[in-house]
Amino acid sequence: MLFQLFLLFGACFGHTVVMVFTMNWLYGCPFPKKIMKPLRKVYAVLILAGCGYFAWLLITYDFRAWRVFADGYPPAVTYLVICWLAAFVMFPLTTAYNWWIRNPAVLLSNHTQMVDVAKELGFRPLGLSKRRHLARLPFNQCFQVDFSERVLLLPQIPAEWDGLKILHLSDLHFCGTPDRAFYHRVVERCNSWEPDMVAVTGDFVDTDRHHRWIVPVLGRLHWKIGAFAILGNHDAWRDPALVRRRLRRIGMRVLEGGWETLDVRGQRMIVIDHEGPWFAAPDLSGLPAEGFRLCLSHTPDNIDWARQNRIDLVLAGHVHGGQIRMPFFGSIFVPSKYSRRYDCGTFREGPTVMHVSRGLAGEVPLRINCRPEVTLVVLKR
C-alpha cells in the first residue's frame, strides 16, 4: 500500500509538473488575450482530471499483473512513466540548476531594503479594482516592496561610467489595485537614489481607463541623463499608441522596436528596444559595431537573441518571479518558454548579463514569498 501511495504521489506531482511546464510555455507565446484568459481554467481542469484518473488507476489496480496492465493500457503507462520521470528526476534537477545559474560572479553585491508601503502610508492602498479583496489575504506581500541595489561588474564599460546608476522599473500594471498613493510613495523612494538613467520594461496598464495614471505617476520620476520605456503584452492589448504618447509626454524615450545612441558622460551607449514577441523585433541594421549595448526587453525569453547580437546588458521583467514561490522549490507558474529558468534575478549567458525584475505589481494583486521589486543597477569596472 505504501508503495502504491508513493507511485500515486509521483504520478500526480509529475502530471502537475508537465501541465504547468506546458502552460508556462504557452503563456510565453504571443496569443491574443481572449485565448490566454481561459487557459488557466482549462489547465486546472486537466490537472484535477489527471490526478483523479491516476488515483483510480493506481489504487484499484493489482500491480502483480503489471505486464497485463502495460499491455492493456500502453498510452496510460507511457504517460505514467513520463510523470514519474518529471517528479523524481527532472523537477529536482531543474530546481537545483535554476538556483545554481542565478546571481553569477558578475553580481558584486545585492543590498535589499524591504519597505512596507502600507505601513508607511498608514493604510492599505487597496484601490478600486475588482480583485482588491485579494490584497487582504493573509501572507500576501503585494504592498511590501524590495528596493534592491545590484552592483554589476562589467569590465567593458568606460572608466567614466564607473558607478553609473540605472533605475529599473517593470510591470506597474495600473488597474486600480494598488492605488496611486502606493505608486507615488515608491517613486519618491526611487528618486532618493538619484539615478542617472531610468529604464521601464513594460506592462503599464491593465484597463482602458488607467492610461490616465501614466503621467501623474511616472511624471514624478527624476533622472540625470535619460529615461527609456518599452511596452509589454498587457500594453499591446490596451491601445499601445496611447501608452506611447503618454510616456513621451513625460520625457521618456520610446523607441518602438528600434535603437538609438546616447551620450553618457561623454561615451556612447547604444540603447535597444525589444518588445517581442508581441511587437516586431528590433531592426539592428546600421547598428554601430563598437559601443556598450543596453537592451530593454519586456520578457527574458529574448535572451538567445541578445546573446547572438552581443548585447552587454539586458533589463527584463514580465514573469513577476512567479508571484507565488514555494519554500526551496521557488516559482511554479512563470509565463516563459523557458518556464522557471529566468524567473527573477541576475544571469549571465555568454557575453550577455541579464537582470530580470519581479515587477512592481500585477493584474492579480497576490504575492506570496515573492515581494514586488524595484532595482537600482550600478555599473562597476
Protein backbone atom coordinates (compact mmCIF):
# COMPACT_ATOMS: atom_id res chain seq x y z
CA MET A 1 0.00 0.00 0.00
CA LEU A 2 2.81 2.45 0.85
CA PHE A 3 4.46 1.70 -2.47
CA GLN A 4 1.22 2.42 -4.31
CA LEU A 5 0.83 5.72 -2.42
CA PHE A 6 4.41 6.62 -3.36
CA LEU A 7 3.65 5.90 -7.01
CA LEU A 8 0.40 7.86 -6.76
CA PHE A 9 2.22 10.88 -5.33
CA GLY A 10 4.83 10.73 -8.10
CA ALA A 11 2.20 10.36 -10.80
CA CYS A 12 0.09 13.28 -9.56
CA PHE A 13 3.04 15.53 -8.85
CA GLY A 14 4.71 14.70 -12.17
CA HIS A 15 1.44 15.26 -14.04
CA THR A 16 1.16 18.69 -12.42
CA VAL A 17 4.77 19.49 -13.38
CA VAL A 18 4.13 18.50 -17.01
CA MET A 19 0.92 20.55 -17.17
CA VAL A 20 2.48 23.65 -15.59
CA PHE A 21 5.55 23.42 -17.85
CA THR A 22 3.40 23.36 -20.99
CA MET A 23 1.20 26.16 -19.65
CA ASN A 24 4.28 28.29 -18.93
CA TRP A 25 5.46 27.75 -22.49
CA LEU A 26 2.07 28.69 -23.96
CA TYR A 27 1.94 31.85 -21.84
CA GLY A 28 5.28 32.85 -23.34
CA CYS A 29 3.69 32.86 -26.80
CA PRO A 30 2.01 35.96 -28.33
CA PHE A 31 -1.54 34.60 -28.32
CA PRO A 32 -4.50 37.02 -28.04
CA LYS A 33 -5.84 37.72 -24.57
CA LYS A 34 -9.17 36.05 -25.36
CA ILE A 35 -7.24 32.80 -25.74
CA MET A 36 -4.88 33.31 -22.80
CA LYS A 37 -7.53 34.29 -20.26
CA PRO A 38 -9.40 30.94 -20.08
CA LEU A 39 -6.22 28.90 -20.45
CA ARG A 40 -5.55 28.61 -16.71
CA LYS A 41 -9.06 27.25 -16.10
CA VAL A 42 -8.57 24.64 -18.80
CA TYR A 43 -5.28 23.57 -17.26
CA ALA A 44 -6.79 23.47 -13.77
CA VAL A 45 -9.40 21.02 -15.06
CA LEU A 46 -6.71 18.93 -16.81
CA ILE A 47 -4.59 18.77 -13.65
CA LEU A 48 -7.52 17.69 -11.45
CA ALA A 49 -8.78 15.20 -14.00
CA GLY A 50 -5.34 13.66 -14.46
CA CYS A 51 -4.73 13.33 -10.73
CA GLY A 52 -8.16 11.74 -10.27
CA TYR A 53 -7.52 9.26 -13.07
CA PHE A 54 -4.13 8.25 -11.67
CA ALA A 55 -5.64 7.84 -8.20
CA TRP A 56 -8.26 5.46 -9.57
CA LEU A 57 -5.70 3.63 -11.71
CA LEU A 58 -3.06 3.10 -9.04
CA ILE A 59 -5.27 2.39 -6.05
CA THR A 60 -7.62 -0.07 -7.72
CA TYR A 61 -5.20 -1.98 -9.95
CA ASP A 62 -3.31 -5.10 -8.90
CA PHE A 63 0.35 -4.39 -9.66
CA ARG A 64 1.21 -8.06 -9.52
CA ALA A 65 -0.25 -8.19 -13.03
CA TRP A 66 1.94 -5.34 -14.31
CA ARG A 67 2.62 -6.93 -17.69
CA VAL A 68 -1.11 -7.34 -18.36
CA PHE A 69 -1.63 -3.76 -17.24
CA ALA A 70 1.13 -2.47 -19.54
CA ASP A 71 -0.25 -4.42 -22.49
CA GLY A 72 -3.78 -3.22 -21.87
CA TYR A 73 -3.10 0.47 -21.26
CA PRO A 74 0.04 1.42 -23.24
CA PRO A 75 -0.74 5.19 -23.55
CA ALA A 76 -1.53 5.44 -19.83
CA VAL A 77 1.66 3.55 -18.90
CA THR A 78 3.77 5.74 -21.18
CA TYR A 79 2.38 8.91 -19.64
CA LEU A 80 2.76 7.45 -16.14
CA VAL A 81 6.46 6.88 -16.78
CA ILE A 82 6.81 10.44 -18.11
CA CYS A 83 5.14 11.77 -14.96
CA TRP A 84 7.36 9.74 -12.65
CA LEU A 85 10.47 10.95 -14.51
CA ALA A 86 9.20 14.54 -14.24
CA ALA A 87 8.55 14.17 -10.49
CA PHE A 88 11.62 12.25 -9.37
CA VAL A 89 14.27 13.28 -11.92
CA MET A 90 13.56 16.38 -13.98
CA PHE A 91 11.93 18.61 -11.36
CA PRO A 92 14.67 18.13 -8.72
CA LEU A 93 17.43 18.59 -11.32
CA THR A 94 15.92 21.72 -12.85
CA THR A 95 15.29 23.20 -9.40
CA ALA A 96 18.94 22.70 -8.45
CA TYR A 97 20.10 24.09 -11.81
CA ASN A 98 17.87 27.15 -11.54
CA TRP A 99 19.37 28.02 -8.15
CA TRP A 100 22.89 27.43 -9.45
CA ILE A 101 22.79 29.66 -12.57
CA ARG A 102 21.39 32.82 -10.97
CA ASN A 103 23.49 35.51 -9.31
CA PRO A 104 26.75 34.85 -11.21
CA ALA A 105 30.16 36.28 -10.27
CA VAL A 106 29.37 39.45 -12.24
CA LEU A 107 26.94 40.39 -9.43
CA LEU A 108 29.28 42.02 -6.91
CA SER A 109 26.65 42.83 -4.33
CA ASN A 110 22.90 42.88 -3.80
CA HIS A 111 21.73 45.12 -0.98
CA THR A 112 17.97 44.96 -0.49
CA GLN A 113 15.73 47.00 1.78
CA MET A 114 12.17 45.81 2.26
CA VAL A 115 9.70 48.68 2.65
CA ASP A 116 6.15 48.06 3.83
CA VAL A 117 4.45 50.77 1.80
CA ALA A 118 1.10 50.22 3.51
CA LYS A 119 2.70 50.80 6.90
CA GLU A 120 4.41 53.96 5.68
CA LEU A 121 1.15 55.29 4.25
CA GLY A 122 -0.81 54.35 7.35
CA PHE A 123 -3.41 52.43 5.34
CA ARG A 124 -3.68 49.62 2.84
CA PRO A 125 -3.74 51.15 -0.67
CA LEU A 126 -6.38 48.68 -1.85
CA GLY A 127 -7.78 50.90 -4.57
CA LEU A 128 -10.93 50.06 -6.50
CA SER A 129 -10.11 47.13 -8.81
CA LYS A 130 -12.44 44.14 -8.81
CA ARG A 131 -9.66 41.98 -7.34
CA ARG A 132 -8.75 44.36 -4.50
CA HIS A 133 -10.01 41.93 -1.82
CA LEU A 134 -7.16 39.53 -2.67
CA ALA A 135 -4.78 42.09 -1.19
CA ARG A 136 -6.33 41.41 2.24
CA LEU A 137 -5.40 37.72 2.24
CA PRO A 138 -3.03 36.51 4.97
CA PHE A 139 0.64 36.31 3.95
CA ASN A 140 0.01 38.48 0.86
CA GLN A 141 3.08 40.71 0.37
CA CYS A 142 1.79 42.84 -2.50
CA PHE A 143 2.44 46.10 -0.58
CA GLN A 144 5.89 45.09 0.72
CA VAL A 145 8.40 46.32 -1.85
CA ASP A 146 12.05 45.27 -2.14
CA PHE A 147 14.28 48.20 -3.07
CA SER A 148 17.35 46.38 -4.39
CA GLU A 149 20.74 47.85 -5.25
CA ARG A 150 22.57 45.44 -7.56
CA VAL A 151 26.20 46.22 -8.36
CA LEU A 152 27.33 44.60 -11.62
CA LEU A 153 30.99 44.15 -12.55
CA LEU A 154 31.24 44.92 -16.28
CA PRO A 155 34.90 45.35 -17.29
CA GLN A 156 33.95 46.54 -20.79
CA ILE A 157 32.39 49.80 -19.65
CA PRO A 158 34.38 53.07 -19.98
CA ALA A 159 36.09 54.41 -16.89
CA GLU A 160 33.70 57.38 -16.97
CA TRP A 161 30.77 55.05 -16.27
CA ASP A 162 32.14 53.59 -13.08
CA GLY A 163 29.27 53.93 -10.61
CA LEU A 164 26.64 54.72 -13.27
CA LYS A 165 23.15 54.21 -11.76
CA ILE A 166 20.23 52.84 -13.79
CA LEU A 167 16.80 52.65 -12.15
CA HIS A 168 14.92 49.61 -13.45
CA LEU A 169 11.14 49.51 -13.08
CA SER A 170 8.89 46.88 -14.61
CA ASP A 171 5.30 45.65 -14.64
CA LEU A 172 3.47 48.52 -12.96
CA HIS A 173 0.07 47.14 -14.05
CA PHE A 174 -2.11 50.17 -13.40
CA CYS A 175 -5.53 48.63 -12.79
CA GLY A 176 -6.80 50.24 -9.57
CA THR A 177 -5.02 48.00 -7.04
CA PRO A 178 -2.68 49.18 -5.64
CA ASP A 179 -3.99 52.71 -5.79
CA ARG A 180 -1.98 55.78 -6.84
CA ALA A 181 -0.75 56.53 -3.32
CA PHE A 182 1.26 53.29 -3.43
CA TYR A 183 2.98 54.24 -6.67
CA HIS A 184 3.64 57.80 -5.53
CA ARG A 185 5.46 56.54 -2.42
CA VAL A 186 7.50 54.08 -4.48
CA VAL A 187 8.51 56.83 -6.93
CA GLU A 188 9.56 59.09 -4.04
CA ARG A 189 11.92 56.40 -2.76
CA CYS A 190 13.24 55.76 -6.27
CA ASN A 191 14.09 59.45 -6.65
CA SER A 192 16.13 59.32 -3.45
CA TRP A 193 18.58 57.07 -5.32
CA GLU A 194 19.21 59.97 -7.75
CA PRO A 195 19.53 57.67 -10.78
CA ASP A 196 21.47 58.69 -13.86
CA MET A 197 19.10 56.76 -16.12
CA VAL A 198 15.64 55.22 -15.89
CA ALA A 199 14.54 52.07 -17.74
CA VAL A 200 10.92 50.87 -17.59
CA THR A 201 10.32 47.50 -19.21
CA GLY A 202 6.63 47.36 -19.96
CA ASP A 203 3.15 46.43 -18.76
CA PHE A 204 1.86 49.84 -17.71
CA VAL A 205 -1.92 49.47 -17.96
CA ASP A 206 -4.49 46.72 -17.43
CA THR A 207 -7.71 48.62 -18.12
CA ASP A 208 -8.79 51.12 -20.76
CA ARG A 209 -9.25 53.86 -18.16
CA HIS A 210 -5.90 53.65 -16.38
CA HIS A 211 -3.85 55.24 -19.14
CA ARG A 212 -4.53 58.46 -17.21
CA TRP A 213 -2.26 57.23 -14.38
CA ILE A 214 0.88 57.21 -16.53
CA VAL A 215 1.57 60.95 -16.49
CA PRO A 216 0.78 61.76 -12.81
CA VAL A 217 2.68 58.69 -11.52
CA LEU A 218 5.70 58.32 -13.78
CA GLY A 219 5.89 62.07 -14.38
CA ARG A 220 7.27 62.33 -10.82
CA LEU A 221 10.41 60.33 -11.70
CA HIS A 222 13.74 62.17 -11.86
CA TRP A 223 16.82 61.28 -13.88
CA LYS A 224 20.05 62.99 -14.89
CA ILE A 225 20.82 61.65 -18.38
CA GLY A 226 17.82 59.93 -19.95
CA ALA A 227 14.80 57.68 -19.49
CA PHE A 228 13.64 54.88 -21.77
CA ALA A 229 10.45 52.84 -21.80
CA ILE A 230 9.15 49.86 -23.76
CA LEU A 231 5.74 48.22 -23.91
CA GLY A 232 4.67 44.78 -22.73
CA ASN A 233 1.98 42.30 -23.69
CA HIS A 234 -0.66 43.95 -21.49
CA ASP A 235 0.01 47.29 -23.21
CA ALA A 236 -0.41 45.58 -26.59
CA TRP A 237 -3.98 44.75 -25.51
CA ARG A 238 -4.78 48.31 -24.27
CA ASP A 239 -4.20 50.88 -27.06
CA PRO A 240 -0.39 50.83 -27.31
CA ALA A 241 -0.28 54.08 -29.31
CA LEU A 242 -1.91 55.93 -26.40
CA VAL A 243 0.55 54.40 -23.92
CA ARG A 244 3.49 55.56 -26.05
CA ARG A 245 2.11 59.09 -26.39
CA ARG A 246 1.71 59.49 -22.63
CA LEU A 247 5.20 58.16 -21.95
CA ARG A 248 6.68 60.62 -24.41
CA ARG A 249 4.72 63.44 -22.76
CA ILE A 250 6.76 63.00 -19.57
CA GLY A 251 10.05 62.99 -21.48
CA MET A 252 10.71 59.26 -21.82
CA ARG A 253 12.26 57.91 -25.00
CA VAL A 254 10.06 55.25 -26.58
CA LEU A 255 11.95 53.56 -29.40
CA GLU A 256 9.17 51.29 -30.78
CA GLY A 257 11.36 48.33 -31.66
CA GLY A 258 14.36 50.40 -32.64
CA TRP A 259 17.61 51.69 -31.20
CA GLU A 260 19.45 54.93 -30.64
CA THR A 261 22.79 56.12 -29.35
CA LEU A 262 23.02 58.11 -26.16
CA ASP A 263 25.86 60.24 -24.87
CA VAL A 264 26.56 59.04 -21.33
CA ARG A 265 29.27 61.01 -19.56
CA GLY A 266 31.00 61.65 -22.88
CA GLN A 267 30.87 58.00 -24.02
CA ARG A 268 28.47 56.29 -26.42
CA MET A 269 25.80 53.91 -25.20
CA ILE A 270 23.53 52.06 -27.64
CA VAL A 271 20.04 51.57 -26.22
CA ILE A 272 17.92 48.91 -27.91
CA ASP A 273 14.19 48.26 -27.52
CA HIS A 274 12.91 44.66 -27.82
CA GLU A 275 9.16 44.38 -27.31
CA GLY A 276 8.87 40.96 -28.95
CA PRO A 277 7.16 38.63 -29.37
CA TRP A 278 4.09 40.90 -29.03
CA PHE A 279 5.62 43.58 -31.26
CA ALA A 280 8.21 43.35 -34.05
CA ALA A 281 11.78 42.52 -33.11
CA PRO A 282 14.20 45.45 -33.41
CA ASP A 283 15.89 46.14 -36.73
CA LEU A 284 19.61 46.33 -35.95
CA SER A 285 20.74 47.25 -39.43
CA GLY A 286 23.23 50.09 -39.20
CA LEU A 287 23.95 49.39 -35.55
CA PRO A 288 27.48 50.59 -34.67
CA ALA A 289 29.94 47.75 -34.23
CA GLU A 290 31.50 49.43 -31.21
CA GLY A 291 29.82 50.68 -28.07
CA PHE A 292 28.11 49.32 -24.98
CA ARG A 293 24.76 47.74 -25.85
CA LEU A 294 21.90 48.07 -23.36
CA CYS A 295 18.67 46.27 -24.28
CA LEU A 296 15.28 46.78 -22.68
CA SER A 297 13.30 43.58 -23.19
CA HIS A 298 9.89 43.01 -21.68
CA THR A 299 10.44 39.26 -21.41
CA PRO A 300 13.60 37.30 -20.54
CA ASP A 301 12.70 34.96 -23.42
CA ASN A 302 14.73 37.21 -25.73
CA ILE A 303 17.99 36.14 -24.07
CA ASP A 304 19.08 33.98 -27.04
CA TRP A 305 18.55 36.90 -29.41
CA ALA A 306 20.52 39.15 -27.04
CA ARG A 307 23.43 36.73 -26.84
CA GLN A 308 23.58 36.34 -30.61
CA ASN A 309 23.62 40.13 -31.07
CA ARG A 310 26.33 40.73 -28.46
CA ILE A 311 24.14 42.67 -26.06
CA ASP A 312 26.10 43.64 -22.96
CA LEU A 313 23.22 44.17 -20.53
CA VAL A 314 19.53 43.19 -20.74
CA LEU A 315 16.89 44.53 -18.37
CA ALA A 316 13.69 42.45 -18.39
CA GLY A 317 10.53 41.74 -16.43
CA HIS A 318 7.19 40.16 -17.39
CA VAL A 319 7.42 36.96 -15.33
CA HIS A 320 6.94 38.57 -11.86
CA GLY A 321 9.17 35.98 -10.20
CA GLY A 322 6.15 33.67 -10.37
CA GLN A 323 4.26 35.83 -7.80
CA ILE A 324 3.91 32.75 -5.58
CA ARG A 325 7.14 30.98 -4.62
CA MET A 326 7.29 27.77 -2.65
CA PRO A 327 9.99 27.24 0.01
CA PHE A 328 13.06 25.61 -1.56
CA PHE A 329 11.29 24.86 -4.88
CA GLY A 330 10.82 28.51 -5.86
CA SER A 331 8.40 29.63 -8.54
CA ILE A 332 5.76 27.46 -10.18
CA PHE A 333 3.77 29.43 -12.76
CA VAL A 334 6.14 31.52 -14.89
CA PRO A 335 4.85 32.76 -18.30
CA SER A 336 8.00 31.95 -20.27
CA LYS A 337 9.10 29.45 -22.90
CA TYR A 338 11.98 28.70 -20.51
CA SER A 339 9.48 28.08 -17.70
CA ARG A 340 11.17 28.80 -14.32
CA ARG A 341 14.73 29.19 -15.62
CA TYR A 342 14.80 33.01 -15.74
CA ASP A 343 12.05 33.83 -13.25
CA CYS A 344 13.97 36.58 -11.41
CA GLY A 345 17.48 37.66 -10.52
CA THR A 346 20.72 38.19 -12.42
CA PHE A 347 22.05 35.80 -15.06
CA ARG A 348 24.99 35.58 -17.41
CA GLU A 349 24.72 33.87 -20.80
CA GLY A 350 27.90 34.20 -22.87
CA PRO A 351 28.68 37.90 -23.38
CA THR A 352 25.28 38.97 -22.04
CA VAL A 353 24.30 39.83 -18.48
CA MET A 354 20.55 39.94 -17.79
CA HIS A 355 18.63 41.23 -14.81
CA VAL A 356 15.02 40.02 -14.52
CA SER A 357 12.82 42.09 -12.22
CA ARG A 358 9.99 40.60 -10.17
CA GLY A 359 7.99 43.68 -11.13
CA LEU A 360 6.14 46.19 -9.01
CA ALA A 361 2.55 44.96 -9.29
CA GLY A 362 0.31 42.61 -11.25
CA GLU A 363 -3.12 42.21 -12.76
CA VAL A 364 -3.83 39.93 -9.79
CA PRO A 365 -2.66 41.62 -6.52
CA LEU A 366 -1.25 38.47 -4.97
CA ARG A 367 2.35 37.96 -3.82
CA ILE A 368 3.41 35.14 -1.53
CA ASN A 369 7.10 34.71 -0.71
CA CYS A 370 7.74 36.91 -3.77
CA ARG A 371 7.71 40.59 -2.90
CA PRO A 372 7.39 43.32 -5.57
CA GLU A 373 10.71 44.80 -6.63
CA VAL A 374 12.35 47.92 -7.98
CA THR A 375 16.06 47.82 -8.76
CA LEU A 376 18.94 50.24 -8.93
CA VAL A 377 21.57 48.70 -11.22
CA VAL A 378 25.02 50.14 -10.51
CA LEU A 379 27.75 49.54 -13.11
CA LYS A 380 31.33 49.00 -11.94
CA ARG A 381 34.58 48.39 -13.80
